[in-house]
Amino acid sequence: MEAINSLGRRKTAIARVVLTEGKGAITVNGREGQEYFPITMQQFKLQQPFKLTDTVGKYDVTVTVGGGGITGQVDAVRLGISRALVKIDADHKPKLKAEELMTRDPRSVERKKFGRKKARKRFQFSKR
């Protein structure tokens, strides 16, 4: 099997994922996955696509991720892994789609408008 490339995005985070046959090692920006994403919930999100498709320990994952914060990056990596697993075997898609792992989350920060303090917040109004 050759390497499978895929892309995941969330807010301003972009993750380029490369899946190869291996023993389940996850490398993120040259560091181990548990080191880069130390929180238990983030590690669960990394493993979630593999657990749903019964492919735990079958593939090595190499990720280059940038932009955004830690949570956005973890969600981008999860989407990239899910897309790569579907490229390998299309039978995985219904399981991943049922858990909403195939959907790109469109929510992002609304831009600041001129004449306002933030996107929607206004400056304090003084009647007199």
C-alpha atoms as a PDB file:
ATOM      1  CA  MET A   1       0.000   0.000   0.000  1.00  0.00           C
ATOM      2  CA  GLU A   2       1.308   3.435  -0.888  1.00  0.00           C
ATOM      3  CA  ALA A   3       0.858   6.454   1.347  1.00  0.00           C
ATOM      4  CA  ILE A   4      -2.625   7.978   1.448  1.00  0.00           C
ATOM      5  CA  ASN A   5      -2.748  11.792   1.675  1.00  0.00           C
ATOM      6  CA  SER A   6      -5.702  13.801   2.919  1.00  0.00           C
ATOM      7  CA  LEU A   7      -6.531  17.226   4.270  1.00  0.00           C
ATOM      8  CA  GLY A   8      -8.545  18.346   7.294  1.00  0.00           C
ATOM      9  CA  ARG A   9      -9.605  21.850   8.302  1.00  0.00           C
ATOM     10  CA  ARG A  10     -11.283  23.448  11.326  1.00  0.00           C
ATOM     11  CA  LYS A  11     -11.535  27.211  11.974  1.00  0.00           C
ATOM     12  CA  THR A  12      -8.083  28.404  10.816  1.00  0.00           C
ATOM     13  CA  ALA A  13      -6.259  25.107  11.469  1.00  0.00           C
ATOM     14  CA  ILE A  14      -5.129  23.029   8.490  1.00  0.00           C
ATOM     15  CA  ALA A  15      -3.854  19.453   8.868  1.00  0.00           C
ATOM     16  CA  ARG A  16      -2.103  17.461   6.135  1.00  0.00           C
ATOM     17  CA  VAL A  17      -2.391  13.764   7.000  1.00  0.00           C
ATOM     18  CA  VAL A  18      -0.347  10.895   5.528  1.00  0.00           C
ATOM     19  CA  LEU A  19      -1.521   7.340   6.321  1.00  0.00           C
ATOM     20  CA  THR A  20       0.837   4.387   5.788  1.00  0.00           C
ATOM     21  CA  GLU A  21       0.712   0.769   6.911  1.00  0.00           C
ATOM     22  CA  GLY A  22       2.339   0.334  10.298  1.00  0.00           C
ATOM     23  CA  LYS A  23       1.750  -0.289  13.973  1.00  0.00           C
ATOM     24  CA  GLY A  24      -0.417   2.677  14.951  1.00  0.00           C
ATOM     25  CA  ALA A  25       2.196   5.385  15.614  1.00  0.00           C
ATOM     26  CA  ILE A  26       0.916   8.957  15.367  1.00  0.00           C
ATOM     27  CA  THR A  27       3.453  11.708  14.633  1.00  0.00           C
ATOM     28  CA  VAL A  28       2.357  15.356  14.704  1.00  0.00           C
ATOM     29  CA  ASN A  29       4.820  18.004  13.469  1.00  0.00           C
ATOM     30  CA  GLY A  30       7.748  15.672  14.167  1.00  0.00           C
ATOM     31  CA  ARG A  31       6.619  14.903  17.734  1.00  0.00           C
ATOM     32  CA  GLU A  32       4.690  11.992  19.185  1.00  0.00           C
ATOM     33  CA  GLY A  33       0.899  12.412  19.166  1.00  0.00           C
ATOM     34  CA  GLN A  34       0.531  12.094  22.956  1.00  0.00           C
ATOM     35  CA  GLU A  35       3.243  14.691  23.462  1.00  0.00           C
ATOM     36  CA  TYR A  36       1.750  17.220  21.010  1.00  0.00           C
ATOM     37  CA  PHE A  37      -1.844  16.689  22.240  1.00  0.00           C
ATOM     38  CA  PRO A  38      -1.412  15.873  25.973  1.00  0.00           C
ATOM     39  CA  ILE A  39      -5.059  16.170  27.089  1.00  0.00           C
ATOM     40  CA  THR A  40      -7.012  12.901  27.316  1.00  0.00           C
ATOM     41  CA  MET A  41      -9.978  14.220  25.298  1.00  0.00           C
ATOM     42  CA  GLN A  42      -7.654  15.245  22.465  1.00  0.00           C
ATOM     43  CA  GLN A  43      -6.045  11.798  22.432  1.00  0.00           C
ATOM     44  CA  PHE A  44      -9.521  10.238  22.322  1.00  0.00           C
ATOM     45  CA  LYS A  45     -10.382  12.404  19.298  1.00  0.00           C
ATOM     46  CA  LEU A  46      -7.202  11.230  17.524  1.00  0.00           C
ATOM     47  CA  GLN A  47      -8.107   7.552  18.045  1.00  0.00           C
ATOM     48  CA  GLN A  48     -11.855   7.903  17.396  1.00  0.00           C
ATOM     49  CA  PRO A  49     -11.828   7.228  13.603  1.00  0.00           C
ATOM     50  CA  PHE A  50      -9.666   4.123  14.099  1.00  0.00           C
ATOM     51  CA  LYS A  51     -11.883   2.736  16.878  1.00  0.00           C
ATOM     52  CA  LEU A  52     -15.063   3.226  14.836  1.00  0.00           C
ATOM     53  CA  THR A  53     -13.591   1.432  11.810  1.00  0.00           C
ATOM     54  CA  ASP A  54     -11.766  -1.327  13.786  1.00  0.00           C
ATOM     55  CA  THR A  55      -8.384  -0.296  12.348  1.00  0.00           C
ATOM     56  CA  VAL A  56      -6.554   0.452  15.625  1.00  0.00           C
ATOM     57  CA  GLY A  57      -2.833  -0.293  15.212  1.00  0.00           C
ATOM     58  CA  LYS A  58      -2.979  -0.949  11.454  1.00  0.00           C
ATOM     59  CA  TYR A  59      -1.776   2.419  10.160  1.00  0.00           C
ATOM     60  CA  ASP A  60       0.946   4.911  10.999  1.00  0.00           C
ATOM     61  CA  VAL A  61      -0.134   8.550  10.825  1.00  0.00           C
ATOM     62  CA  THR A  62       2.158  11.453   9.978  1.00  0.00           C
ATOM     63  CA  VAL A  63       0.565  14.872  10.361  1.00  0.00           C
ATOM     64  CA  THR A  64       1.688  18.400   9.553  1.00  0.00           C
ATOM     65  CA  VAL A  65      -0.687  20.829  11.236  1.00  0.00           C
ATOM     66  CA  GLY A  66      -0.614  24.599  11.574  1.00  0.00           C
ATOM     67  CA  GLY A  67      -2.801  27.573  12.363  1.00  0.00           C
ATOM     68  CA  GLY A  68      -5.504  27.983  14.968  1.00  0.00           C
ATOM     69  CA  GLY A  69      -5.405  26.608  18.478  1.00  0.00           C
ATOM     70  CA  ILE A  70      -4.976  23.138  19.929  1.00  0.00           C
ATOM     71  CA  THR A  71      -8.678  22.178  19.769  1.00  0.00           C
ATOM     72  CA  GLY A  72      -9.063  23.330  16.170  1.00  0.00           C
ATOM     73  CA  GLN A  73      -5.913  21.444  15.242  1.00  0.00           C
ATOM     74  CA  VAL A  74      -7.102  18.204  16.851  1.00  0.00           C
ATOM     75  CA  ASP A  75     -10.440  18.420  15.025  1.00  0.00           C
ATOM     76  CA  ALA A  76      -8.636  19.115  11.734  1.00  0.00           C
ATOM     77  CA  VAL A  77      -6.409  16.063  12.259  1.00  0.00           C
ATOM     78  CA  ARG A  78      -9.452  13.904  13.072  1.00  0.00           C
ATOM     79  CA  LEU A  79     -11.191  14.988   9.852  1.00  0.00           C
ATOM     80  CA  GLY A  80      -8.022  14.290   7.850  1.00  0.00           C
ATOM     81  CA  ILE A  81      -7.677  10.796   9.343  1.00  0.00           C
ATOM     82  CA  SER A  82     -11.352  10.052   8.623  1.00  0.00           C
ATOM     83  CA  ARG A  83     -11.005  11.158   4.996  1.00  0.00           C
ATOM     84  CA  ALA A  84      -7.870   9.042   4.576  1.00  0.00           C
ATOM     85  CA  LEU A  85      -9.619   5.951   5.987  1.00  0.00           C
ATOM     86  CA  VAL A  86     -12.474   6.442   3.503  1.00  0.00           C
ATOM     87  CA  LYS A  87      -9.928   6.647   0.648  1.00  0.00           C
ATOM     88  CA  ILE A  88      -8.529   3.286   1.780  1.00  0.00           C
ATOM     89  CA  ASP A  89     -11.936   1.588   2.115  1.00  0.00           C
ATOM     90  CA  ALA A  90     -15.238   3.232   1.140  1.00  0.00           C
ATOM     91  CA  ASP A  91     -17.116   0.855   3.485  1.00  0.00           C
ATOM     92  CA  HIS A  92     -15.882   2.955   6.428  1.00  0.00           C
ATOM     93  CA  LYS A  93     -17.844   6.025   5.312  1.00  0.00           C
ATOM     94  CA  PRO A  94     -21.294   5.165   6.813  1.00  0.00           C
ATOM     95  CA  LYS A  95     -19.775   4.453  10.254  1.00  0.00           C
ATOM     96  CA  LEU A  96     -17.775   7.691  10.267  1.00  0.00           C
ATOM     97  CA  LYS A  97     -20.645   9.743   8.847  1.00  0.00           C
ATOM     98  CA  ALA A  98     -23.005   8.464  11.577  1.00  0.00           C
ATOM     99  CA  GLU A  99     -20.638   9.957  14.189  1.00  0.00           C
ATOM    100  CA  GLU A 100     -20.332  13.181  12.108  1.00  0.00           C
ATOM    101  CA  LEU A 101     -16.606  12.701  11.506  1.00  0.00           C
ATOM    102  CA  MET A 102     -16.892  13.245   7.749  1.00  0.00           C
ATOM    103  CA  THR A 103     -18.411  16.728   8.077  1.00  0.00           C
ATOM    104  CA  ARG A 104     -16.193  19.803   7.884  1.00  0.00           C
ATOM    105  CA  ASP A 105     -17.303  22.134  10.700  1.00  0.00           C
ATOM    106  CA  PRO A 106     -18.008  25.457   8.937  1.00  0.00           C
ATOM    107  CA  ARG A 107     -18.027  27.607  12.080  1.00  0.00           C
ATOM    108  CA  SER A 108     -15.287  30.215  12.248  1.00  0.00           C
ATOM    109  CA  VAL A 109     -14.736  33.606  13.840  1.00  0.00           C
ATOM    110  CA  GLU A 110     -16.880  36.402  12.416  1.00  0.00           C
ATOM    111  CA  ARG A 111     -14.874  39.368  11.199  1.00  0.00           C
ATOM    112  CA  LYS A 112     -14.785  42.671  13.090  1.00  0.00           C
ATOM    113  CA  LYS A 113     -16.946  45.411  11.586  1.00  0.00           C
ATOM    114  CA  PHE A 114     -15.937  49.062  11.404  1.00  0.00           C
ATOM    115  CA  GLY A 115     -17.619  51.401  13.897  1.00  0.00           C
ATOM    116  CA  ARG A 116     -17.980  48.518  16.354  1.00  0.00           C
ATOM    117  CA  LYS A 117     -15.891  47.189  19.215  1.00  0.00           C
ATOM    118  CA  LYS A 118     -15.964  43.579  17.920  1.00  0.00           C
ATOM    119  CA  ALA A 119     -18.028  41.742  15.303  1.00  0.00           C
ATOM    120  CA  ARG A 120     -21.357  42.547  16.930  1.00  0.00           C
ATOM    121  CA  LYS A 121     -20.570  44.346  20.193  1.00  0.00           C
ATOM    122  CA  ARG A 122     -21.088  48.100  20.065  1.00  0.00           C
ATOM    123  CA  PHE A 123     -19.383  50.925  21.892  1.00  0.00           C
ATOM    124  CA  GLN A 124     -21.184  52.110  25.032  1.00  0.00           C
ATOM    125  CA  PHE A 125     -24.133  54.360  24.175  1.00  0.00           C
ATOM    126  CA  SER A 126     -24.495  57.607  26.070  1.00  0.00           C
ATOM    127  CA  LYS A 127     -27.811  59.398  25.747  1.00  0.00           C
ATOM    128  CA  ARG A 128     -26.560  62.628  27.406  1.00  0.00           C
END
